């Protein structure tokens, strides 16, 4: 995570004012969760990744380019989606993390060599790089809700290039 920058909600919203230390302490758990999200994926630890999500997890992100599979829970669908991503391209980096008491927002950069089938495209050996912005609601140390936007169109364009 060489290019990682961290920004707390306090520093962002209050310019590092008097409340910044209080809010920064409150941000520790959600911020840590985003870092574990990246670390488990970077390590290829799909079981550890799965453990980050509550069984009651709700994914509010919808994408026509990558619809969730039928007859599986949102948690199972998310784990399957990232398992496929890891098989195709294993590297992940966090650019920015903004956290408060029970939410964390992160900008993730995914980069790596296309070594496995991804979105139905056989391995090309090309370098791929794309981003996503994600917001997680955290409860009892687990992700319970997710809102996000990923550059799936950009991934598909790179796979066709």
N, C-alpha and C. Protein backbone atom coordinates (compact mmCIF):
# COMPACT_ATOMS: atom_id res chain seq x y z
N UNK A 1 0.83 -1.18 0.00
CA UNK A 1 0.00 0.00 0.00
C UNK A 1 0.88 1.24 0.00
N UNK A 2 1.68 1.30 -0.99
CA UNK A 2 2.71 2.32 -1.10
C UNK A 2 2.16 3.73 -1.24
N UNK A 3 1.08 3.91 -1.99
CA UNK A 3 0.56 5.25 -2.26
C UNK A 3 -0.64 5.60 -1.39
N UNK A 4 -0.76 5.00 -0.24
CA UNK A 4 -1.93 5.18 0.61
C UNK A 4 -1.91 6.50 1.36
N UNK A 5 -3.07 7.19 1.33
CA UNK A 5 -3.27 8.40 2.13
C UNK A 5 -4.51 8.17 2.94
N UNK A 6 -4.50 8.59 4.21
CA UNK A 6 -5.67 8.45 5.05
C UNK A 6 -6.16 9.83 5.46
N UNK A 7 -7.47 9.97 5.43
CA UNK A 7 -8.10 11.22 5.83
C UNK A 7 -9.26 10.86 6.74
N UNK A 8 -9.30 11.40 7.95
CA UNK A 8 -10.44 11.14 8.82
C UNK A 8 -11.55 12.11 8.50
N UNK A 9 -12.76 11.75 8.87
CA UNK A 9 -13.90 12.65 8.67
C UNK A 9 -13.67 13.97 9.39
N UNK A 10 -13.04 13.91 10.56
CA UNK A 10 -12.79 15.13 11.32
C UNK A 10 -11.88 16.08 10.56
N UNK A 11 -10.80 15.56 10.04
CA UNK A 11 -9.86 16.41 9.31
C UNK A 11 -10.51 16.98 8.06
N UNK A 12 -11.32 16.16 7.41
CA UNK A 12 -11.97 16.59 6.19
C UNK A 12 -13.03 17.66 6.46
N UNK A 13 -13.88 17.42 7.47
CA UNK A 13 -15.00 18.30 7.72
C UNK A 13 -14.68 19.48 8.63
N UNK A 14 -13.73 19.29 9.52
CA UNK A 14 -13.45 20.33 10.51
C UNK A 14 -12.09 20.97 10.34
N UNK A 15 -11.39 20.60 9.31
CA UNK A 15 -10.08 21.20 9.06
C UNK A 15 -9.10 20.97 10.19
N UNK A 16 -9.24 19.86 10.90
CA UNK A 16 -8.30 19.55 11.98
C UNK A 16 -8.57 20.37 13.23
N UNK A 17 -9.80 20.87 13.40
CA UNK A 17 -10.15 21.70 14.55
C UNK A 17 -10.17 20.92 15.86
N UNK A 18 -10.79 21.49 16.89
CA UNK A 18 -10.78 20.91 18.23
C UNK A 18 -11.43 19.54 18.30
N UNK A 19 -12.41 19.26 17.46
CA UNK A 19 -13.09 17.97 17.53
C UNK A 19 -12.36 16.88 16.76
N UNK A 20 -11.35 17.21 16.02
CA UNK A 20 -10.66 16.23 15.18
C UNK A 20 -10.14 15.03 15.96
N UNK A 21 -9.45 15.20 17.10
CA UNK A 21 -8.96 14.01 17.82
C UNK A 21 -10.08 13.09 18.28
N UNK A 22 -11.20 13.64 18.72
CA UNK A 22 -12.34 12.83 19.16
C UNK A 22 -12.91 12.02 18.01
N UNK A 23 -13.15 12.67 16.89
CA UNK A 23 -13.70 11.97 15.74
C UNK A 23 -12.69 10.98 15.16
N UNK A 24 -11.43 11.30 15.18
CA UNK A 24 -10.42 10.38 14.66
C UNK A 24 -10.39 9.10 15.48
N UNK A 25 -10.52 9.19 16.83
CA UNK A 25 -10.57 7.99 17.66
C UNK A 25 -11.80 7.16 17.33
N UNK A 26 -12.94 7.82 17.10
CA UNK A 26 -14.17 7.11 16.78
C UNK A 26 -14.08 6.41 15.43
N UNK A 27 -13.20 6.91 14.55
CA UNK A 27 -13.08 6.35 13.21
C UNK A 27 -12.23 5.09 13.15
N UNK A 28 -11.54 4.76 14.21
CA UNK A 28 -10.58 3.67 14.17
C UNK A 28 -11.19 2.35 13.70
N UNK A 29 -12.30 1.90 14.28
CA UNK A 29 -12.86 0.60 13.92
C UNK A 29 -13.32 0.54 12.46
N UNK A 30 -14.14 1.47 11.98
CA UNK A 30 -14.53 1.40 10.57
C UNK A 30 -13.34 1.55 9.62
N UNK A 31 -12.41 2.42 9.94
CA UNK A 31 -11.23 2.60 9.09
C UNK A 31 -10.43 1.30 9.04
N UNK A 32 -10.28 0.66 10.17
CA UNK A 32 -9.58 -0.61 10.24
C UNK A 32 -10.27 -1.66 9.37
N UNK A 33 -11.59 -1.61 9.31
CA UNK A 33 -12.32 -2.57 8.51
C UNK A 33 -12.00 -2.40 7.02
N UNK A 34 -11.91 -1.17 6.55
CA UNK A 34 -11.54 -0.94 5.14
C UNK A 34 -10.13 -1.45 4.87
N UNK A 35 -9.24 -1.27 5.82
CA UNK A 35 -7.87 -1.77 5.65
C UNK A 35 -7.86 -3.29 5.62
N UNK A 36 -8.68 -3.93 6.45
CA UNK A 36 -8.77 -5.40 6.44
C UNK A 36 -9.41 -5.88 5.15
N UNK A 37 -10.37 -5.13 4.61
CA UNK A 37 -11.00 -5.42 3.32
C UNK A 37 -9.90 -5.53 2.26
N UNK A 38 -9.05 -4.52 2.21
CA UNK A 38 -7.96 -4.51 1.23
C UNK A 38 -6.93 -5.60 1.52
N UNK A 39 -6.57 -5.77 2.79
CA UNK A 39 -5.52 -6.74 3.15
C UNK A 39 -5.95 -8.17 2.85
N UNK A 40 -7.20 -8.52 3.16
CA UNK A 40 -7.63 -9.90 2.89
C UNK A 40 -7.68 -10.17 1.40
N UNK A 41 -8.14 -9.20 0.62
CA UNK A 41 -8.15 -9.40 -0.83
C UNK A 41 -6.74 -9.48 -1.39
N UNK A 42 -5.87 -8.58 -0.95
CA UNK A 42 -4.48 -8.58 -1.44
C UNK A 42 -3.78 -9.89 -1.11
N UNK A 43 -4.14 -10.50 0.03
CA UNK A 43 -3.53 -11.77 0.44
C UNK A 43 -4.24 -12.97 -0.19
N UNK A 44 -5.33 -12.73 -0.91
CA UNK A 44 -6.09 -13.83 -1.49
C UNK A 44 -6.84 -14.64 -0.45
N UNK A 45 -7.11 -14.04 0.70
CA UNK A 45 -7.77 -14.72 1.82
C UNK A 45 -9.28 -14.53 1.71
N UNK A 46 -9.93 -15.33 0.88
CA UNK A 46 -11.35 -15.16 0.63
C UNK A 46 -12.19 -15.50 1.87
N UNK A 47 -11.70 -16.43 2.71
CA UNK A 47 -12.43 -16.73 3.94
C UNK A 47 -12.37 -15.56 4.91
N UNK A 48 -11.19 -14.95 5.06
CA UNK A 48 -11.06 -13.76 5.90
C UNK A 48 -11.89 -12.61 5.37
N UNK A 49 -11.94 -12.48 4.05
CA UNK A 49 -12.76 -11.45 3.41
C UNK A 49 -14.23 -11.69 3.73
N UNK A 50 -14.68 -12.93 3.58
CA UNK A 50 -16.07 -13.27 3.86
C UNK A 50 -16.45 -12.95 5.31
N UNK A 51 -15.51 -13.16 6.24
CA UNK A 51 -15.77 -12.90 7.66
C UNK A 51 -15.99 -11.42 7.97
N UNK A 52 -15.62 -10.53 7.05
CA UNK A 52 -15.82 -9.10 7.28
C UNK A 52 -17.29 -8.70 7.17
N UNK A 53 -18.10 -9.55 6.56
CA UNK A 53 -19.50 -9.22 6.28
C UNK A 53 -20.44 -9.93 7.24
N UNK A 54 -21.42 -9.19 7.75
CA UNK A 54 -22.46 -9.79 8.58
C UNK A 54 -23.33 -10.69 7.70
N UNK A 55 -23.93 -11.69 8.30
CA UNK A 55 -24.84 -12.56 7.55
C UNK A 55 -26.05 -11.79 7.05
N UNK A 56 -26.38 -10.67 7.70
CA UNK A 56 -27.52 -9.84 7.32
C UNK A 56 -27.13 -8.72 6.35
N UNK A 57 -25.92 -8.78 5.80
CA UNK A 57 -25.37 -7.77 4.89
C UNK A 57 -26.35 -7.44 3.76
N UNK A 58 -26.44 -6.14 3.45
CA UNK A 58 -27.27 -5.65 2.35
C UNK A 58 -26.37 -4.88 1.40
N UNK A 59 -26.40 -5.25 0.13
CA UNK A 59 -25.61 -4.54 -0.88
C UNK A 59 -26.56 -3.67 -1.69
N UNK A 60 -26.40 -2.35 -1.57
CA UNK A 60 -27.26 -1.41 -2.30
C UNK A 60 -26.73 -1.10 -3.69
N UNK A 61 -25.53 -1.57 -4.02
CA UNK A 61 -24.95 -1.30 -5.34
C UNK A 61 -25.61 -2.20 -6.38
N UNK A 62 -26.04 -1.59 -7.45
CA UNK A 62 -26.64 -2.32 -8.57
C UNK A 62 -25.86 -2.02 -9.83
N UNK A 63 -25.62 -3.03 -10.63
CA UNK A 63 -24.91 -2.83 -11.89
C UNK A 63 -25.48 -3.75 -12.95
N UNK A 64 -25.93 -3.16 -14.05
CA UNK A 64 -26.41 -3.97 -15.18
C UNK A 64 -25.27 -4.76 -15.79
N UNK A 65 -24.04 -4.25 -15.65
CA UNK A 65 -22.87 -4.92 -16.22
C UNK A 65 -22.45 -6.14 -15.41
N UNK A 66 -22.83 -6.19 -14.14
CA UNK A 66 -22.47 -7.32 -13.29
C UNK A 66 -23.62 -7.60 -12.31
N UNK A 67 -24.74 -8.12 -12.84
CA UNK A 67 -25.87 -8.40 -11.95
C UNK A 67 -25.53 -9.52 -10.97
N UNK A 68 -26.12 -9.47 -9.78
CA UNK A 68 -25.83 -10.53 -8.80
C UNK A 68 -26.43 -11.86 -9.26
N UNK A 69 -25.79 -12.96 -8.92
CA UNK A 69 -26.35 -14.26 -9.28
C UNK A 69 -27.66 -14.50 -8.54
N UNK A 70 -28.53 -15.29 -9.14
CA UNK A 70 -29.83 -15.59 -8.53
C UNK A 70 -29.67 -16.62 -7.42
N UNK A 71 -30.58 -16.57 -6.49
CA UNK A 71 -30.70 -17.58 -5.43
C UNK A 71 -29.51 -17.67 -4.49
N UNK A 72 -28.81 -16.56 -4.28
CA UNK A 72 -27.76 -16.51 -3.26
C UNK A 72 -27.95 -15.26 -2.43
N UNK A 73 -27.44 -15.27 -1.22
CA UNK A 73 -27.57 -14.10 -0.36
C UNK A 73 -26.66 -12.98 -0.87
N UNK A 74 -26.93 -11.73 -0.49
CA UNK A 74 -26.04 -10.64 -0.89
C UNK A 74 -24.60 -10.89 -0.45
N UNK A 75 -24.40 -11.46 0.73
CA UNK A 75 -23.05 -11.76 1.20
C UNK A 75 -22.39 -12.78 0.27
N UNK A 76 -23.09 -13.86 -0.06
CA UNK A 76 -22.53 -14.88 -0.95
C UNK A 76 -22.22 -14.31 -2.33
N UNK A 77 -23.09 -13.44 -2.84
CA UNK A 77 -22.87 -12.83 -4.15
C UNK A 77 -21.64 -11.94 -4.14
N UNK A 78 -21.47 -11.15 -3.07
CA UNK A 78 -20.31 -10.26 -2.97
C UNK A 78 -19.03 -11.07 -2.87
N UNK A 79 -19.02 -12.10 -2.05
CA UNK A 79 -17.82 -12.94 -1.91
C UNK A 79 -17.50 -13.61 -3.24
N UNK A 80 -18.50 -14.12 -3.95
CA UNK A 80 -18.27 -14.76 -5.25
C UNK A 80 -17.71 -13.76 -6.27
N UNK A 81 -18.23 -12.53 -6.26
CA UNK A 81 -17.76 -11.49 -7.18
C UNK A 81 -16.28 -11.21 -6.94
N UNK A 82 -15.89 -11.06 -5.67
CA UNK A 82 -14.49 -10.75 -5.37
C UNK A 82 -13.59 -11.97 -5.53
N UNK A 83 -14.12 -13.15 -5.34
CA UNK A 83 -13.33 -14.37 -5.58
C UNK A 83 -12.96 -14.44 -7.06
N UNK A 84 -13.89 -14.11 -7.95
CA UNK A 84 -13.61 -14.08 -9.38
C UNK A 84 -12.60 -12.98 -9.71
N UNK A 85 -12.73 -11.84 -9.05
CA UNK A 85 -11.78 -10.74 -9.27
C UNK A 85 -10.38 -11.16 -8.85
N UNK A 86 -10.27 -11.84 -7.70
CA UNK A 86 -8.96 -12.29 -7.22
C UNK A 86 -8.34 -13.31 -8.17
N UNK A 87 -9.15 -14.18 -8.71
CA UNK A 87 -8.62 -15.18 -9.65
C UNK A 87 -8.07 -14.50 -10.90
N UNK A 88 -8.68 -13.39 -11.28
CA UNK A 88 -8.26 -12.69 -12.49
C UNK A 88 -7.15 -11.69 -12.24
N UNK A 89 -7.16 -11.06 -11.07
CA UNK A 89 -6.26 -9.94 -10.83
C UNK A 89 -6.13 -9.69 -9.33
N UNK A 90 -5.05 -10.09 -8.71
CA UNK A 90 -5.00 -10.15 -7.25
C UNK A 90 -4.61 -8.90 -6.45
N UNK A 91 -4.16 -7.83 -7.04
CA UNK A 91 -3.61 -6.71 -6.26
C UNK A 91 -4.66 -5.65 -5.94
N UNK A 92 -4.60 -5.12 -4.75
CA UNK A 92 -5.53 -4.08 -4.31
C UNK A 92 -4.78 -3.05 -3.48
N UNK A 93 -5.14 -1.78 -3.63
CA UNK A 93 -4.53 -0.70 -2.85
C UNK A 93 -5.61 0.27 -2.43
N UNK A 94 -5.48 0.83 -1.24
CA UNK A 94 -6.42 1.85 -0.77
C UNK A 94 -5.82 3.21 -1.05
N UNK A 95 -6.58 4.08 -1.70
CA UNK A 95 -6.10 5.44 -1.94
C UNK A 95 -6.45 6.35 -0.77
N UNK A 96 -7.72 6.38 -0.38
CA UNK A 96 -8.18 7.29 0.66
C UNK A 96 -9.24 6.59 1.50
N UNK A 97 -9.19 6.81 2.79
CA UNK A 97 -10.20 6.29 3.71
C UNK A 97 -10.75 7.47 4.51
N UNK A 98 -12.08 7.59 4.55
CA UNK A 98 -12.75 8.60 5.37
C UNK A 98 -13.72 7.83 6.26
N UNK A 99 -13.63 8.04 7.56
CA UNK A 99 -14.46 7.24 8.48
C UNK A 99 -15.07 8.11 9.56
N UNK A 100 -16.22 7.64 10.06
CA UNK A 100 -16.81 8.23 11.26
C UNK A 100 -17.19 7.08 12.19
N UNK A 101 -18.14 7.30 13.08
CA UNK A 101 -18.46 6.31 14.11
C UNK A 101 -18.88 4.95 13.56
N UNK A 102 -19.70 4.92 12.53
CA UNK A 102 -20.16 3.63 12.02
C UNK A 102 -20.20 3.52 10.50
N UNK A 103 -19.49 4.42 9.82
CA UNK A 103 -19.38 4.37 8.37
C UNK A 103 -17.93 4.54 7.96
N UNK A 104 -17.60 3.97 6.82
CA UNK A 104 -16.28 4.19 6.24
C UNK A 104 -16.47 4.30 4.73
N UNK A 105 -15.79 5.28 4.15
CA UNK A 105 -15.79 5.43 2.70
C UNK A 105 -14.35 5.23 2.24
N UNK A 106 -14.18 4.50 1.17
CA UNK A 106 -12.84 4.22 0.68
C UNK A 106 -12.82 4.27 -0.83
N UNK A 107 -11.72 4.75 -1.36
CA UNK A 107 -11.45 4.69 -2.79
C UNK A 107 -10.40 3.60 -2.98
N UNK A 108 -10.79 2.55 -3.68
CA UNK A 108 -9.89 1.43 -3.91
C UNK A 108 -9.34 1.47 -5.33
N UNK A 109 -8.08 1.16 -5.47
CA UNK A 109 -7.46 0.99 -6.78
C UNK A 109 -7.14 -0.49 -6.93
N UNK A 110 -7.67 -1.08 -7.96
CA UNK A 110 -7.40 -2.47 -8.27
C UNK A 110 -6.41 -2.48 -9.43
N UNK A 111 -5.32 -3.18 -9.28
CA UNK A 111 -4.37 -3.26 -10.38
C UNK A 111 -3.69 -4.62 -10.34
N UNK A 112 -3.35 -5.10 -11.50
CA UNK A 112 -2.68 -6.38 -11.59
C UNK A 112 -2.66 -6.87 -13.02
N UNK A 113 -2.13 -8.03 -13.20
CA UNK A 113 -2.05 -8.64 -14.52
C UNK A 113 -3.23 -9.58 -14.71
N UNK A 114 -3.87 -9.49 -15.84
CA UNK A 114 -5.04 -10.31 -16.14
C UNK A 114 -4.58 -11.75 -16.40
N UNK A 115 -4.65 -12.57 -15.35
CA UNK A 115 -4.13 -13.94 -15.41
C UNK A 115 -5.21 -15.01 -15.36
N UNK A 116 -6.46 -14.61 -15.18
CA UNK A 116 -7.55 -15.59 -15.11
C UNK A 116 -8.78 -15.04 -15.80
N UNK A 117 -9.72 -15.91 -16.13
CA UNK A 117 -10.95 -15.48 -16.80
C UNK A 117 -11.64 -14.42 -15.95
N UNK A 118 -12.10 -13.37 -16.60
CA UNK A 118 -12.76 -12.28 -15.89
C UNK A 118 -13.83 -11.70 -16.79
N UNK A 119 -15.06 -11.62 -16.29
CA UNK A 119 -16.21 -11.18 -17.08
C UNK A 119 -16.29 -11.97 -18.39
N UNK A 120 -15.95 -13.25 -18.32
CA UNK A 120 -16.04 -14.11 -19.49
C UNK A 120 -14.90 -13.97 -20.48
N UNK A 121 -13.87 -13.19 -20.15
CA UNK A 121 -12.74 -12.99 -21.07
C UNK A 121 -11.56 -13.83 -20.58
N UNK A 122 -11.02 -14.65 -21.47
CA UNK A 122 -9.86 -15.48 -21.14
C UNK A 122 -8.68 -14.58 -20.81
N UNK A 123 -7.72 -15.08 -20.02
CA UNK A 123 -6.55 -14.28 -19.64
C UNK A 123 -5.84 -13.68 -20.86
N UNK A 124 -5.50 -12.39 -20.73
CA UNK A 124 -4.82 -11.68 -21.82
C UNK A 124 -3.36 -11.40 -21.50
N UNK A 125 -2.99 -11.47 -20.21
CA UNK A 125 -1.64 -11.13 -19.80
C UNK A 125 -1.40 -9.62 -19.72
N UNK A 126 -2.43 -8.82 -20.00
CA UNK A 126 -2.29 -7.36 -19.95
C UNK A 126 -2.45 -6.85 -18.52
N UNK A 127 -1.83 -5.70 -18.28
CA UNK A 127 -2.02 -5.01 -17.00
C UNK A 127 -3.39 -4.34 -17.01
N UNK A 128 -4.12 -4.48 -15.89
CA UNK A 128 -5.42 -3.84 -15.73
C UNK A 128 -5.35 -2.92 -14.52
N UNK A 129 -6.08 -1.81 -14.59
CA UNK A 129 -6.16 -0.88 -13.47
C UNK A 129 -7.52 -0.21 -13.51
N UNK A 130 -8.21 -0.21 -12.37
CA UNK A 130 -9.50 0.45 -12.29
C UNK A 130 -9.78 0.81 -10.83
N UNK A 131 -10.82 1.59 -10.62
CA UNK A 131 -11.11 2.09 -9.27
C UNK A 131 -12.55 1.78 -8.88
N UNK A 132 -12.79 1.87 -7.60
CA UNK A 132 -14.15 1.86 -7.07
C UNK A 132 -14.19 2.77 -5.86
N UNK A 133 -15.34 3.34 -5.62
CA UNK A 133 -15.58 4.13 -4.41
C UNK A 133 -16.69 3.42 -3.66
N UNK A 134 -16.44 3.13 -2.40
CA UNK A 134 -17.36 2.33 -1.61
C UNK A 134 -17.63 2.98 -0.26
N UNK A 135 -18.86 2.87 0.20
CA UNK A 135 -19.25 3.30 1.53
C UNK A 135 -19.81 2.08 2.25
N UNK A 136 -19.29 1.83 3.43
CA UNK A 136 -19.74 0.70 4.24
C UNK A 136 -20.33 1.21 5.55
N UNK A 137 -21.43 0.61 5.97
CA UNK A 137 -21.92 0.84 7.32
C UNK A 137 -21.46 -0.35 8.14
N UNK A 138 -20.84 -0.05 9.27
CA UNK A 138 -20.23 -1.06 10.12
C UNK A 138 -21.01 -1.17 11.42
N UNK A 139 -21.26 -2.39 11.82
CA UNK A 139 -21.94 -2.65 13.10
C UNK A 139 -21.30 -3.90 13.72
N UNK A 140 -20.91 -3.79 14.97
CA UNK A 140 -20.28 -4.91 15.68
C UNK A 140 -19.07 -5.46 14.92
N UNK A 141 -18.31 -4.55 14.29
CA UNK A 141 -17.07 -4.93 13.63
C UNK A 141 -17.23 -5.60 12.28
N UNK A 142 -18.46 -5.60 11.73
CA UNK A 142 -18.69 -6.24 10.43
C UNK A 142 -19.41 -5.26 9.49
N UNK A 143 -19.25 -5.49 8.21
CA UNK A 143 -19.96 -4.70 7.20
C UNK A 143 -21.40 -5.18 7.15
N UNK A 144 -22.34 -4.25 7.37
CA UNK A 144 -23.76 -4.61 7.33
C UNK A 144 -24.48 -4.02 6.12
N UNK A 145 -23.91 -2.93 5.56
CA UNK A 145 -24.49 -2.34 4.35
C UNK A 145 -23.37 -1.79 3.48
N UNK A 146 -23.64 -1.75 2.17
CA UNK A 146 -22.66 -1.24 1.20
C UNK A 146 -23.37 -0.43 0.12
N UNK A 147 -22.78 0.70 -0.22
CA UNK A 147 -23.16 1.51 -1.37
C UNK A 147 -21.88 1.75 -2.13
N UNK A 148 -21.91 1.66 -3.43
CA UNK A 148 -20.67 1.88 -4.15
C UNK A 148 -20.85 2.08 -5.63
N UNK A 149 -19.73 2.46 -6.24
CA UNK A 149 -19.65 2.61 -7.68
C UNK A 149 -18.29 2.07 -8.11
N UNK A 150 -18.31 1.09 -8.99
CA UNK A 150 -17.07 0.55 -9.52
C UNK A 150 -17.00 0.79 -11.02
N UNK A 151 -15.81 0.89 -11.53
CA UNK A 151 -15.60 1.16 -12.95
C UNK A 151 -15.63 -0.13 -13.77
N UNK A 152 -16.77 -0.82 -13.75
CA UNK A 152 -16.90 -2.07 -14.48
C UNK A 152 -16.80 -1.83 -15.98
N UNK A 153 -17.36 -0.71 -16.48
CA UNK A 153 -17.25 -0.39 -17.89
C UNK A 153 -15.79 -0.22 -18.30
N UNK A 154 -15.00 0.42 -17.43
CA UNK A 154 -13.57 0.59 -17.70
C UNK A 154 -12.83 -0.73 -17.73
N UNK A 155 -13.21 -1.64 -16.83
CA UNK A 155 -12.60 -2.98 -16.82
C UNK A 155 -12.90 -3.68 -18.12
N UNK A 156 -14.16 -3.67 -18.52
CA UNK A 156 -14.55 -4.34 -19.76
C UNK A 156 -13.83 -3.75 -20.98
N UNK A 157 -13.67 -2.44 -20.99
CA UNK A 157 -12.95 -1.79 -22.10
C UNK A 157 -11.49 -2.24 -22.14
N UNK A 158 -10.86 -2.35 -20.98
CA UNK A 158 -9.47 -2.80 -20.93
C UNK A 158 -9.36 -4.27 -21.36
N UNK A 159 -10.34 -5.07 -21.04
CA UNK A 159 -10.30 -6.48 -21.43
C UNK A 159 -10.46 -6.64 -22.95
N UNK A 160 -11.19 -5.72 -23.58
CA UNK A 160 -11.38 -5.78 -25.03
C UNK A 160 -10.22 -5.17 -25.81
N UNK A 161 -9.44 -4.32 -25.18
CA UNK A 161 -8.38 -3.57 -25.90
C UNK A 161 -7.39 -4.47 -26.57
